[in-house]
Amino acid sequence: MSALIIFSLLAVLMLTGMPISIALGLSVLTFLFALTQVPIEAVALKLFTGIEKFEIMAIPFFILAGNFLTHGGVAKRMIRFATALVGHLHGGLALGGVVACALFAAVSGSSPATVVAIGSILLPAMVKQGYPKSFGVGVIATSGGLGILIPPSIVMVIYAVSTNSSIGQLFIAGIIPGLLLAMTLLTVTWVVARKRNYPRLPKASALEVFKAFKESIWGLALIFVVIGGIYSGLFTPTEAAAMSAVYAFFVSVYVYRDMGLKKVPQVLLASASMSSMLLYIITNAVLFSFLLTSE
């Protein structure tokens, strides 16, 4: 009965539009002080042990890397490379958006960062070329979800920490489904674009494709730094996350130079804010499951 009450309370709080972290926290507090006899000492111990894992450090590092890449000019270079590859097909900009989202997801690990980085650049260009805004938003928002499947995925790290699973094995498990989903999105987008006769870009020459690839190579190399480092045994997933943050900082500030050192504190604060919210959600989720299983 207590479980039914607490789940109902959580659902009601979330339906009111309350942030998930706050809804979970209030549900946990209500359960703790009104519906359970679990000693407060046991709850405090679980609160500490639930977030002391070394693997959880990967979350803020991947978030930091994603923010550096978002502000550092990596996204626009990936878009240029993606449109050079598929822009000559029907719905070229939309197809380029899907490819760019897949590439950016593979270096940032974050769906929100992917949507913001790619959408903020590509959506205005799509509307300007005559695409319906609803179509552009749908393509970018759906393709941004690739960040959940394609490694390195922050969601997979959270799941692994919460369930004591292997982060590396989860990353391996996400590669094929992520690529299949990307191919499916490309196919559906092309079919819809061809049916509605959406515009296509002039076909890029091999030299233009190579030039776009050369400009984006520093960002694309992060895929091999993270995934290659993990599966070669050079890094653990947490160490790979730290390396990705350092690499993203170096590329954004010293290679592409689209972001100055003065903007670094702003990126650090934004990353800290997002990381603290995610860690707060994880903490409350751990306590929530602990209290339920203790009943």
C-alpha atoms as a PDB file:
ATOM      1  CA  MET A   1       0.000   0.000   0.000  1.00  0.00           C
ATOM      2  CA  SER A   2       2.853   2.373   0.853  1.00  0.00           C
ATOM      3  CA  ALA A   3       4.441   1.759  -2.548  1.00  0.00           C
ATOM      4  CA  LEU A   4       1.162   2.604  -4.311  1.00  0.00           C
ATOM      5  CA  ILE A   5       0.836   5.836  -2.336  1.00  0.00           C
ATOM      6  CA  ILE A   6       4.383   6.965  -3.030  1.00  0.00           C
ATOM      7  CA  PHE A   7       4.169   6.149  -6.756  1.00  0.00           C
ATOM      8  CA  SER A   8       0.873   8.040  -6.967  1.00  0.00           C
ATOM      9  CA  LEU A   9       2.444  11.022  -5.204  1.00  0.00           C
ATOM     10  CA  LEU A  10       5.405  10.966  -7.599  1.00  0.00           C
ATOM     11  CA  ALA A  11       3.075  10.817 -10.622  1.00  0.00           C
ATOM     12  CA  VAL A  12       0.925  13.698  -9.344  1.00  0.00           C
ATOM     13  CA  LEU A  13       3.960  15.889  -8.645  1.00  0.00           C
ATOM     14  CA  MET A  14       5.407  15.224 -12.093  1.00  0.00           C
ATOM     15  CA  LEU A  15       2.057  15.935 -13.786  1.00  0.00           C
ATOM     16  CA  THR A  16       2.011  19.374 -12.163  1.00  0.00           C
ATOM     17  CA  GLY A  17       5.134  20.230 -14.147  1.00  0.00           C
ATOM     18  CA  MET A  18       7.483  19.979 -11.195  1.00  0.00           C
ATOM     19  CA  PRO A  19      11.083  19.059 -12.141  1.00  0.00           C
ATOM     20  CA  ILE A  20      11.809  15.338 -11.795  1.00  0.00           C
ATOM     21  CA  SER A  21      14.570  15.957  -9.269  1.00  0.00           C
ATOM     22  CA  ILE A  22      12.289  17.943  -6.940  1.00  0.00           C
ATOM     23  CA  ALA A  23       9.397  15.491  -7.375  1.00  0.00           C
ATOM     24  CA  LEU A  24      11.661  12.568  -6.493  1.00  0.00           C
ATOM     25  CA  GLY A  25      13.073  14.436  -3.506  1.00  0.00           C
ATOM     26  CA  LEU A  26       9.652  15.311  -2.075  1.00  0.00           C
ATOM     27  CA  SER A  27       8.440  11.743  -2.634  1.00  0.00           C
ATOM     28  CA  VAL A  28      11.483  10.359  -0.826  1.00  0.00           C
ATOM     29  CA  LEU A  29      11.029  12.752   2.116  1.00  0.00           C
ATOM     30  CA  THR A  30       7.324  11.921   2.392  1.00  0.00           C
ATOM     31  CA  PHE A  31       8.071   8.204   2.304  1.00  0.00           C
ATOM     32  CA  LEU A  32      10.907   8.542   4.797  1.00  0.00           C
ATOM     33  CA  PHE A  33       9.060  10.487   7.488  1.00  0.00           C
ATOM     34  CA  ALA A  34       5.470   9.257   7.061  1.00  0.00           C
ATOM     35  CA  LEU A  35       5.333   5.802   5.503  1.00  0.00           C
ATOM     36  CA  THR A  36       8.373   3.789   6.597  1.00  0.00           C
ATOM     37  CA  GLN A  37      10.211   2.709   9.719  1.00  0.00           C
ATOM     38  CA  VAL A  38      13.650   2.485   8.079  1.00  0.00           C
ATOM     39  CA  PRO A  39      16.275   3.996  10.439  1.00  0.00           C
ATOM     40  CA  ILE A  40      17.514   7.401   9.343  1.00  0.00           C
ATOM     41  CA  GLU A  41      21.094   6.181   9.829  1.00  0.00           C
ATOM     42  CA  ALA A  42      20.590   3.486   7.179  1.00  0.00           C
ATOM     43  CA  VAL A  43      19.205   6.064   4.778  1.00  0.00           C
ATOM     44  CA  ALA A  44      22.189   8.359   5.358  1.00  0.00           C
ATOM     45  CA  LEU A  45      24.601   5.476   4.734  1.00  0.00           C
ATOM     46  CA  LYS A  46      22.811   4.540   1.519  1.00  0.00           C
ATOM     47  CA  LEU A  47      22.865   8.178   0.440  1.00  0.00           C
ATOM     48  CA  PHE A  48      26.660   8.168   0.738  1.00  0.00           C
ATOM     49  CA  THR A  49      27.356   4.744  -0.761  1.00  0.00           C
ATOM     50  CA  GLY A  50      24.959   5.357  -3.652  1.00  0.00           C
ATOM     51  CA  ILE A  51      27.027   8.170  -5.166  1.00  0.00           C
ATOM     52  CA  GLU A  52      30.575   7.420  -4.012  1.00  0.00           C
ATOM     53  CA  LYS A  53      31.300   5.174  -7.007  1.00  0.00           C
ATOM     54  CA  PHE A  54      34.279   6.116  -9.144  1.00  0.00           C
ATOM     55  CA  GLU A  55      32.282   5.583 -12.347  1.00  0.00           C
ATOM     56  CA  ILE A  56      29.877   8.388 -11.498  1.00  0.00           C
ATOM     57  CA  MET A  57      32.661  10.919 -12.137  1.00  0.00           C
ATOM     58  CA  ALA A  58      32.228  10.193 -15.849  1.00  0.00           C
ATOM     59  CA  ILE A  59      28.955  12.140 -15.864  1.00  0.00           C
ATOM     60  CA  PRO A  60      30.298  15.662 -15.135  1.00  0.00           C
ATOM     61  CA  PHE A  61      33.292  15.083 -17.416  1.00  0.00           C
ATOM     62  CA  PHE A  62      31.119  14.077 -20.393  1.00  0.00           C
ATOM     63  CA  ILE A  63      28.821  17.039 -19.717  1.00  0.00           C
ATOM     64  CA  LEU A  64      31.829  19.365 -19.641  1.00  0.00           C
ATOM     65  CA  ALA A  65      33.153  17.914 -22.902  1.00  0.00           C
ATOM     66  CA  GLY A  66      29.752  18.361 -24.536  1.00  0.00           C
ATOM     67  CA  ASN A  67      29.561  22.005 -23.457  1.00  0.00           C
ATOM     68  CA  PHE A  68      33.053  22.737 -24.764  1.00  0.00           C
ATOM     69  CA  LEU A  69      32.148  21.153 -28.096  1.00  0.00           C
ATOM     70  CA  THR A  70      28.866  23.079 -28.261  1.00  0.00           C
ATOM     71  CA  HIS A  71      30.547  26.460 -27.761  1.00  0.00           C
ATOM     72  CA  GLY A  72      33.799  25.631 -29.535  1.00  0.00           C
ATOM     73  CA  GLY A  73      32.714  25.451 -33.171  1.00  0.00           C
ATOM     74  CA  VAL A  74      32.761  21.656 -33.470  1.00  0.00           C
ATOM     75  CA  ALA A  75      29.033  21.457 -34.233  1.00  0.00           C
ATOM     76  CA  LYS A  76      29.086  23.805 -37.223  1.00  0.00           C
ATOM     77  CA  ARG A  77      32.029  21.949 -38.758  1.00  0.00           C
ATOM     78  CA  MET A  78      30.242  18.625 -38.333  1.00  0.00           C
ATOM     79  CA  ILE A  79      27.150  20.107 -39.991  1.00  0.00           C
ATOM     80  CA  ARG A  80      29.275  21.314 -42.908  1.00  0.00           C
ATOM     81  CA  PHE A  81      30.785  17.834 -43.311  1.00  0.00           C
ATOM     82  CA  ALA A  82      27.401  16.096 -43.005  1.00  0.00           C
ATOM     83  CA  THR A  83      25.708  18.318 -45.590  1.00  0.00           C
ATOM     84  CA  ALA A  84      28.649  17.834 -47.944  1.00  0.00           C
ATOM     85  CA  LEU A  85      28.000  14.090 -47.756  1.00  0.00           C
ATOM     86  CA  VAL A  86      24.205  13.945 -48.132  1.00  0.00           C
ATOM     87  CA  GLY A  87      23.100  17.499 -48.954  1.00  0.00           C
ATOM     88  CA  HIS A  88      22.532  16.734 -52.651  1.00  0.00           C
ATOM     89  CA  LEU A  89      19.671  14.346 -51.830  1.00  0.00           C
ATOM     90  CA  HIS A  90      16.054  15.408 -51.309  1.00  0.00           C
ATOM     91  CA  GLY A  91      15.825  17.163 -47.954  1.00  0.00           C
ATOM     92  CA  GLY A  92      19.577  17.637 -47.913  1.00  0.00           C
ATOM     93  CA  LEU A  93      19.697  19.930 -44.893  1.00  0.00           C
ATOM     94  CA  ALA A  94      17.434  17.629 -42.902  1.00  0.00           C
ATOM     95  CA  LEU A  95      19.532  14.589 -43.816  1.00  0.00           C
ATOM     96  CA  GLY A  96      22.643  16.542 -42.896  1.00  0.00           C
ATOM     97  CA  GLY A  97      21.024  17.274 -39.543  1.00  0.00           C
ATOM     98  CA  VAL A  98      20.514  13.564 -38.855  1.00  0.00           C
ATOM     99  CA  VAL A  99      24.125  12.748 -39.745  1.00  0.00           C
ATOM    100  CA  ALA A 100      25.437  15.712 -37.748  1.00  0.00           C
ATOM    101  CA  CYS A 101      23.362  14.687 -34.705  1.00  0.00           C
ATOM    102  CA  ALA A 102      24.748  11.151 -34.912  1.00  0.00           C
ATOM    103  CA  LEU A 103      28.319  12.450 -35.119  1.00  0.00           C
ATOM    104  CA  PHE A 104      27.868  14.987 -32.326  1.00  0.00           C
ATOM    105  CA  ALA A 105      26.159  12.396 -30.120  1.00  0.00           C
ATOM    106  CA  ALA A 106      29.210  10.187 -30.567  1.00  0.00           C
ATOM    107  CA  VAL A 107      31.478  12.870 -29.129  1.00  0.00           C
ATOM    108  CA  SER A 108      29.247  14.517 -26.512  1.00  0.00           C
ATOM    109  CA  GLY A 109      27.191  11.654 -25.061  1.00  0.00           C
ATOM    110  CA  SER A 110      24.321  14.052 -24.393  1.00  0.00           C
ATOM    111  CA  SER A 111      20.998  14.321 -26.203  1.00  0.00           C
ATOM    112  CA  PRO A 112      20.195  17.849 -24.928  1.00  0.00           C
ATOM    113  CA  ALA A 113      23.656  19.092 -25.943  1.00  0.00           C
ATOM    114  CA  THR A 114      23.212  17.514 -29.382  1.00  0.00           C
ATOM    115  CA  VAL A 115      19.827  19.153 -29.939  1.00  0.00           C
ATOM    116  CA  VAL A 116      21.070  22.570 -28.801  1.00  0.00           C
ATOM    117  CA  ALA A 117      24.350  22.456 -30.726  1.00  0.00           C
ATOM    118  CA  ILE A 118      22.942  21.178 -34.026  1.00  0.00           C
ATOM    119  CA  GLY A 119      19.467  22.691 -33.833  1.00  0.00           C
ATOM    120  CA  SER A 120      20.601  26.228 -33.050  1.00  0.00           C
ATOM    121  CA  ILE A 121      22.625  26.287 -36.273  1.00  0.00           C
ATOM    122  CA  LEU A 122      20.643  24.072 -38.631  1.00  0.00           C
ATOM    123  CA  LEU A 123      17.018  24.920 -37.813  1.00  0.00           C
ATOM    124  CA  PRO A 124      17.200  28.601 -38.905  1.00  0.00           C
ATOM    125  CA  ALA A 125      18.929  27.508 -42.123  1.00  0.00           C
ATOM    126  CA  MET A 126      16.196  24.920 -42.807  1.00  0.00           C
ATOM    127  CA  VAL A 127      13.403  27.452 -42.271  1.00  0.00           C
ATOM    128  CA  LYS A 128      15.218  29.940 -44.511  1.00  0.00           C
ATOM    129  CA  GLN A 129      15.378  27.351 -47.311  1.00  0.00           C
ATOM    130  CA  GLY A 130      11.635  26.707 -47.132  1.00  0.00           C
ATOM    131  CA  TYR A 131      11.333  23.717 -44.820  1.00  0.00           C
ATOM    132  CA  PRO A 132       8.305  23.800 -42.491  1.00  0.00           C
ATOM    133  CA  LYS A 133       9.454  24.674 -38.995  1.00  0.00           C
ATOM    134  CA  SER A 134       7.564  21.695 -37.560  1.00  0.00           C
ATOM    135  CA  PHE A 135       9.481  19.331 -39.852  1.00  0.00           C
ATOM    136  CA  GLY A 136      12.835  20.827 -38.885  1.00  0.00           C
ATOM    137  CA  VAL A 137      12.047  20.678 -35.178  1.00  0.00           C
ATOM    138  CA  GLY A 138      10.876  17.080 -35.519  1.00  0.00           C
ATOM    139  CA  VAL A 139      14.024  15.982 -37.349  1.00  0.00           C
ATOM    140  CA  ILE A 140      16.426  17.667 -34.910  1.00  0.00           C
ATOM    141  CA  ALA A 141      14.555  16.621 -31.761  1.00  0.00           C
ATOM    142  CA  THR A 142      14.236  13.004 -32.908  1.00  0.00           C
ATOM    143  CA  SER A 143      17.826  12.772 -34.115  1.00  0.00           C
ATOM    144  CA  GLY A 144      19.047  14.295 -30.854  1.00  0.00           C
ATOM    145  CA  GLY A 145      17.746  11.173 -29.136  1.00  0.00           C
ATOM    146  CA  LEU A 146      20.631   9.273 -30.725  1.00  0.00           C
ATOM    147  CA  GLY A 147      22.734  10.593 -27.847  1.00  0.00           C
ATOM    148  CA  ILE A 148      20.994   8.091 -25.571  1.00  0.00           C
ATOM    149  CA  LEU A 149      22.074   5.081 -27.642  1.00  0.00           C
ATOM    150  CA  ILE A 150      25.320   6.004 -29.362  1.00  0.00           C
ATOM    151  CA  PRO A 151      28.278   5.802 -26.943  1.00  0.00           C
ATOM    152  CA  PRO A 152      29.548   7.561 -24.949  1.00  0.00           C
ATOM    153  CA  SER A 153      26.043   8.021 -23.543  1.00  0.00           C
ATOM    154  CA  ILE A 154      25.512   9.844 -20.241  1.00  0.00           C
ATOM    155  CA  VAL A 155      22.225   7.967 -19.816  1.00  0.00           C
ATOM    156  CA  MET A 156      24.105   4.664 -20.067  1.00  0.00           C
ATOM    157  CA  VAL A 157      26.559   5.846 -17.416  1.00  0.00           C
ATOM    158  CA  ILE A 158      23.668   6.737 -15.098  1.00  0.00           C
ATOM    159  CA  TYR A 159      22.035   3.359 -15.733  1.00  0.00           C
ATOM    160  CA  ALA A 160      25.297   1.504 -15.158  1.00  0.00           C
ATOM    161  CA  VAL A 161      25.932   3.307 -11.874  1.00  0.00           C
ATOM    162  CA  SER A 162      22.365   2.737 -10.658  1.00  0.00           C
ATOM    163  CA  THR A 163      22.312  -0.980 -11.532  1.00  0.00           C
ATOM    164  CA  ASN A 164      25.985  -1.913 -10.986  1.00  0.00           C
ATOM    165  CA  SER A 165      26.357  -2.773 -14.678  1.00  0.00           C
ATOM    166  CA  SER A 166      29.448  -2.488 -16.860  1.00  0.00           C
ATOM    167  CA  ILE A 167      29.701   0.869 -18.629  1.00  0.00           C
ATOM    168  CA  GLY A 168      31.937  -0.609 -21.326  1.00  0.00           C
ATOM    169  CA  GLN A 169      29.479  -3.409 -22.106  1.00  0.00           C
ATOM    170  CA  LEU A 170      26.601  -0.947 -22.265  1.00  0.00           C
ATOM    171  CA  PHE A 171      28.574   1.190 -24.702  1.00  0.00           C
ATOM    172  CA  ILE A 172      29.191  -1.862 -26.910  1.00  0.00           C
ATOM    173  CA  ALA A 173      25.498  -2.769 -26.746  1.00  0.00           C
ATOM    174  CA  GLY A 174      24.505   0.712 -27.941  1.00  0.00           C
ATOM    175  CA  ILE A 175      26.653   0.906 -31.082  1.00  0.00           C
ATOM    176  CA  ILE A 176      24.606  -1.270 -33.474  1.00  0.00           C
ATOM    177  CA  PRO A 177      21.144  -0.078 -32.298  1.00  0.00           C
ATOM    178  CA  GLY A 178      22.368   3.518 -32.500  1.00  0.00           C
ATOM    179  CA  LEU A 179      23.618   3.099 -36.066  1.00  0.00           C
ATOM    180  CA  LEU A 180      20.430   1.270 -37.092  1.00  0.00           C
ATOM    181  CA  LEU A 181      18.286   4.032 -35.609  1.00  0.00           C
ATOM    182  CA  ALA A 182      20.357   6.656 -37.431  1.00  0.00           C
ATOM    183  CA  MET A 183      19.891   4.783 -40.731  1.00  0.00           C
ATOM    184  CA  THR A 184      16.154   4.492 -40.073  1.00  0.00           C
ATOM    185  CA  LEU A 185      15.880   8.215 -39.380  1.00  0.00           C
ATOM    186  CA  LEU A 186      17.810   8.977 -42.571  1.00  0.00           C
ATOM    187  CA  THR A 187      15.497   6.739 -44.612  1.00  0.00           C
ATOM    188  CA  VAL A 188      12.276   8.167 -43.159  1.00  0.00           C
ATOM    189  CA  THR A 189      13.525  11.742 -43.556  1.00  0.00           C
ATOM    190  CA  TRP A 190      14.516  11.120 -47.178  1.00  0.00           C
ATOM    191  CA  VAL A 191      11.165   9.483 -48.029  1.00  0.00           C
ATOM    192  CA  VAL A 192       9.175  12.353 -46.502  1.00  0.00           C
ATOM    193  CA  ALA A 193      11.412  14.981 -48.110  1.00  0.00           C
ATOM    194  CA  ARG A 194      11.131  13.363 -51.539  1.00  0.00           C
ATOM    195  CA  LYS A 195       7.358  13.021 -51.243  1.00  0.00           C
ATOM    196  CA  ARG A 196       6.994  16.703 -50.295  1.00  0.00           C
ATOM    197  CA  ASN A 197       9.709  17.812 -52.742  1.00  0.00           C
ATOM    198  CA  TYR A 198      11.844  19.580 -50.165  1.00  0.00           C
ATOM    199  CA  PRO A 199      14.918  21.402 -51.544  1.00  0.00           C
ATOM    200  CA  ARG A 200      18.279  19.792 -52.120  1.00  0.00           C
ATOM    201  CA  LEU A 201      21.710  21.362 -52.061  1.00  0.00           C
ATOM    202  CA  PRO A 202      24.184  21.375 -54.971  1.00  0.00           C
ATOM    203  CA  LYS A 203      26.258  18.211 -54.972  1.00  0.00           C
ATOM    204  CA  ALA A 204      29.605  18.736 -53.288  1.00  0.00           C
ATOM    205  CA  SER A 205      32.707  17.683 -55.164  1.00  0.00           C
ATOM    206  CA  ALA A 206      35.116  15.155 -53.725  1.00  0.00           C
ATOM    207  CA  LEU A 207      37.485  18.012 -52.930  1.00  0.00           C
ATOM    208  CA  GLU A 208      34.768  19.886 -51.014  1.00  0.00           C
ATOM    209  CA  VAL A 209      33.871  16.754 -49.048  1.00  0.00           C
ATOM    210  CA  PHE A 210      37.524  16.204 -48.190  1.00  0.00           C
ATOM    211  CA  LYS A 211      37.927  19.841 -47.162  1.00  0.00           C
ATOM    212  CA  ALA A 212      34.866  19.645 -44.893  1.00  0.00           C
ATOM    213  CA  PHE A 213      36.180  16.398 -43.414  1.00  0.00           C
ATOM    214  CA  LYS A 214      39.585  17.966 -42.837  1.00  0.00           C
ATOM    215  CA  GLU A 215      37.997  20.905 -40.992  1.00  0.00           C
ATOM    216  CA  SER A 216      35.970  18.604 -38.739  1.00  0.00           C
ATOM    217  CA  ILE A 217      38.669  15.978 -38.148  1.00  0.00           C
ATOM    218  CA  TRP A 218      39.652  17.372 -34.751  1.00  0.00           C
ATOM    219  CA  GLY A 219      36.120  16.956 -33.476  1.00  0.00           C
ATOM    220  CA  LEU A 220      35.594  13.562 -35.098  1.00  0.00           C
ATOM    221  CA  ALA A 221      38.853  12.311 -33.593  1.00  0.00           C
ATOM    222  CA  LEU A 222      37.251  12.508 -30.154  1.00  0.00           C
ATOM    223  CA  ILE A 223      35.176   9.449 -31.094  1.00  0.00           C
ATOM    224  CA  PHE A 224      38.357   7.400 -31.375  1.00  0.00           C
ATOM    225  CA  VAL A 225      39.887   8.985 -28.274  1.00  0.00           C
ATOM    226  CA  VAL A 226      36.951   7.898 -26.101  1.00  0.00           C
ATOM    227  CA  ILE A 227      35.739   4.655 -27.660  1.00  0.00           C
ATOM    228  CA  GLY A 228      39.165   3.526 -28.844  1.00  0.00           C
ATOM    229  CA  GLY A 229      40.715   4.324 -25.478  1.00  0.00           C
ATOM    230  CA  ILE A 230      38.101   2.300 -23.601  1.00  0.00           C
ATOM    231  CA  TYR A 231      38.145  -0.785 -25.814  1.00  0.00           C
ATOM    232  CA  SER A 232      41.917  -0.829 -26.203  1.00  0.00           C
ATOM    233  CA  GLY A 233      42.240  -0.921 -22.425  1.00  0.00           C
ATOM    234  CA  LEU A 234      44.098   2.387 -22.359  1.00  0.00           C
ATOM    235  CA  PHE A 235      41.393   4.147 -20.302  1.00  0.00           C
ATOM    236  CA  THR A 236      38.573   3.201 -18.012  1.00  0.00           C
ATOM    237  CA  PRO A 237      35.247   4.861 -18.978  1.00  0.00           C
ATOM    238  CA  THR A 238      35.766   7.485 -16.259  1.00  0.00           C
ATOM    239  CA  GLU A 239      39.309   8.237 -17.412  1.00  0.00           C
ATOM    240  CA  ALA A 240      38.062   8.409 -21.008  1.00  0.00           C
ATOM    241  CA  ALA A 241      35.468  10.976 -19.918  1.00  0.00           C
ATOM    242  CA  ALA A 242      38.181  13.086 -18.294  1.00  0.00           C
ATOM    243  CA  MET A 243      40.334  12.810 -21.419  1.00  0.00           C
ATOM    244  CA  SER A 244      37.386  13.860 -23.588  1.00  0.00           C
ATOM    245  CA  ALA A 245      36.885  17.006 -21.473  1.00  0.00           C
ATOM    246  CA  VAL A 246      40.576  17.944 -21.736  1.00  0.00           C
ATOM    247  CA  TYR A 247      40.626  17.187 -25.466  1.00  0.00           C
ATOM    248  CA  ALA A 248      37.428  19.184 -26.097  1.00  0.00           C
ATOM    249  CA  PHE A 249      38.889  22.149 -24.192  1.00  0.00           C
ATOM    250  CA  PHE A 250      42.109  22.006 -26.222  1.00  0.00           C
ATOM    251  CA  VAL A 251      40.298  21.758 -29.572  1.00  0.00           C
ATOM    252  CA  SER A 252      37.778  24.504 -28.774  1.00  0.00           C
ATOM    253  CA  VAL A 253      40.247  27.030 -27.357  1.00  0.00           C
ATOM    254  CA  TYR A 254      43.553  26.356 -29.118  1.00  0.00           C
ATOM    255  CA  VAL A 255      42.716  24.582 -32.401  1.00  0.00           C
ATOM    256  CA  TYR A 256      39.441  26.028 -33.696  1.00  0.00           C
ATOM    257  CA  ARG A 257      39.722  29.136 -31.491  1.00  0.00           C
ATOM    258  CA  ASP A 258      35.980  29.750 -31.645  1.00  0.00           C
ATOM    259  CA  MET A 259      35.907  30.075 -27.866  1.00  0.00           C
ATOM    260  CA  GLY A 260      38.242  32.300 -25.873  1.00  0.00           C
ATOM    261  CA  LEU A 261      39.604  31.662 -22.409  1.00  0.00           C
ATOM    262  CA  LYS A 262      37.231  34.305 -21.035  1.00  0.00           C
ATOM    263  CA  LYS A 263      34.274  32.057 -21.868  1.00  0.00           C
ATOM    264  CA  VAL A 264      35.704  29.010 -20.074  1.00  0.00           C
ATOM    265  CA  PRO A 265      34.327  29.979 -16.607  1.00  0.00           C
ATOM    266  CA  GLN A 266      30.850  30.296 -18.118  1.00  0.00           C
ATOM    267  CA  VAL A 267      31.119  26.800 -19.614  1.00  0.00           C
ATOM    268  CA  LEU A 268      32.405  25.406 -16.313  1.00  0.00           C
ATOM    269  CA  LEU A 269      29.497  26.933 -14.383  1.00  0.00           C
ATOM    270  CA  ALA A 270      26.921  25.634 -16.869  1.00  0.00           C
ATOM    271  CA  SER A 271      28.461  22.155 -16.685  1.00  0.00           C
ATOM    272  CA  ALA A 272      28.514  22.232 -12.885  1.00  0.00           C
ATOM    273  CA  SER A 273      24.855  23.263 -12.794  1.00  0.00           C
ATOM    274  CA  MET A 274      23.759  20.447 -15.100  1.00  0.00           C
ATOM    275  CA  SER A 275      25.968  17.897 -13.327  1.00  0.00           C
ATOM    276  CA  SER A 276      24.613  18.789  -9.896  1.00  0.00           C
ATOM    277  CA  MET A 277      21.043  18.383 -11.126  1.00  0.00           C
ATOM    278  CA  LEU A 278      21.795  14.950 -12.599  1.00  0.00           C
ATOM    279  CA  LEU A 279      23.618  13.821  -9.454  1.00  0.00           C
ATOM    280  CA  TYR A 280      20.683  15.037  -7.363  1.00  0.00           C
ATOM    281  CA  ILE A 281      18.314  12.950  -9.494  1.00  0.00           C
ATOM    282  CA  ILE A 282      20.570   9.894  -9.143  1.00  0.00           C
ATOM    283  CA  THR A 283      20.788  10.352  -5.369  1.00  0.00           C
ATOM    284  CA  ASN A 284      17.019  10.584  -4.970  1.00  0.00           C
ATOM    285  CA  ALA A 285      16.487   7.631  -7.309  1.00  0.00           C
ATOM    286  CA  VAL A 286      18.888   5.510  -5.231  1.00  0.00           C
ATOM    287  CA  LEU A 287      17.078   6.478  -2.022  1.00  0.00           C
ATOM    288  CA  PHE A 288      13.700   5.882  -3.650  1.00  0.00           C
ATOM    289  CA  SER A 289      14.595   2.336  -4.691  1.00  0.00           C
ATOM    290  CA  PHE A 290      16.244   1.635  -1.321  1.00  0.00           C
ATOM    291  CA  LEU A 291      13.167   2.688   0.648  1.00  0.00           C
ATOM    292  CA  LEU A 292      10.855   0.663  -1.596  1.00  0.00           C
ATOM    293  CA  THR A 293      12.947  -2.504  -1.301  1.00  0.00           C
ATOM    294  CA  SER A 294      13.180  -2.042   2.471  1.00  0.00           C
ATOM    295  CA  GLU A 295       9.422  -2.291   2.878  1.00  0.00           C
END
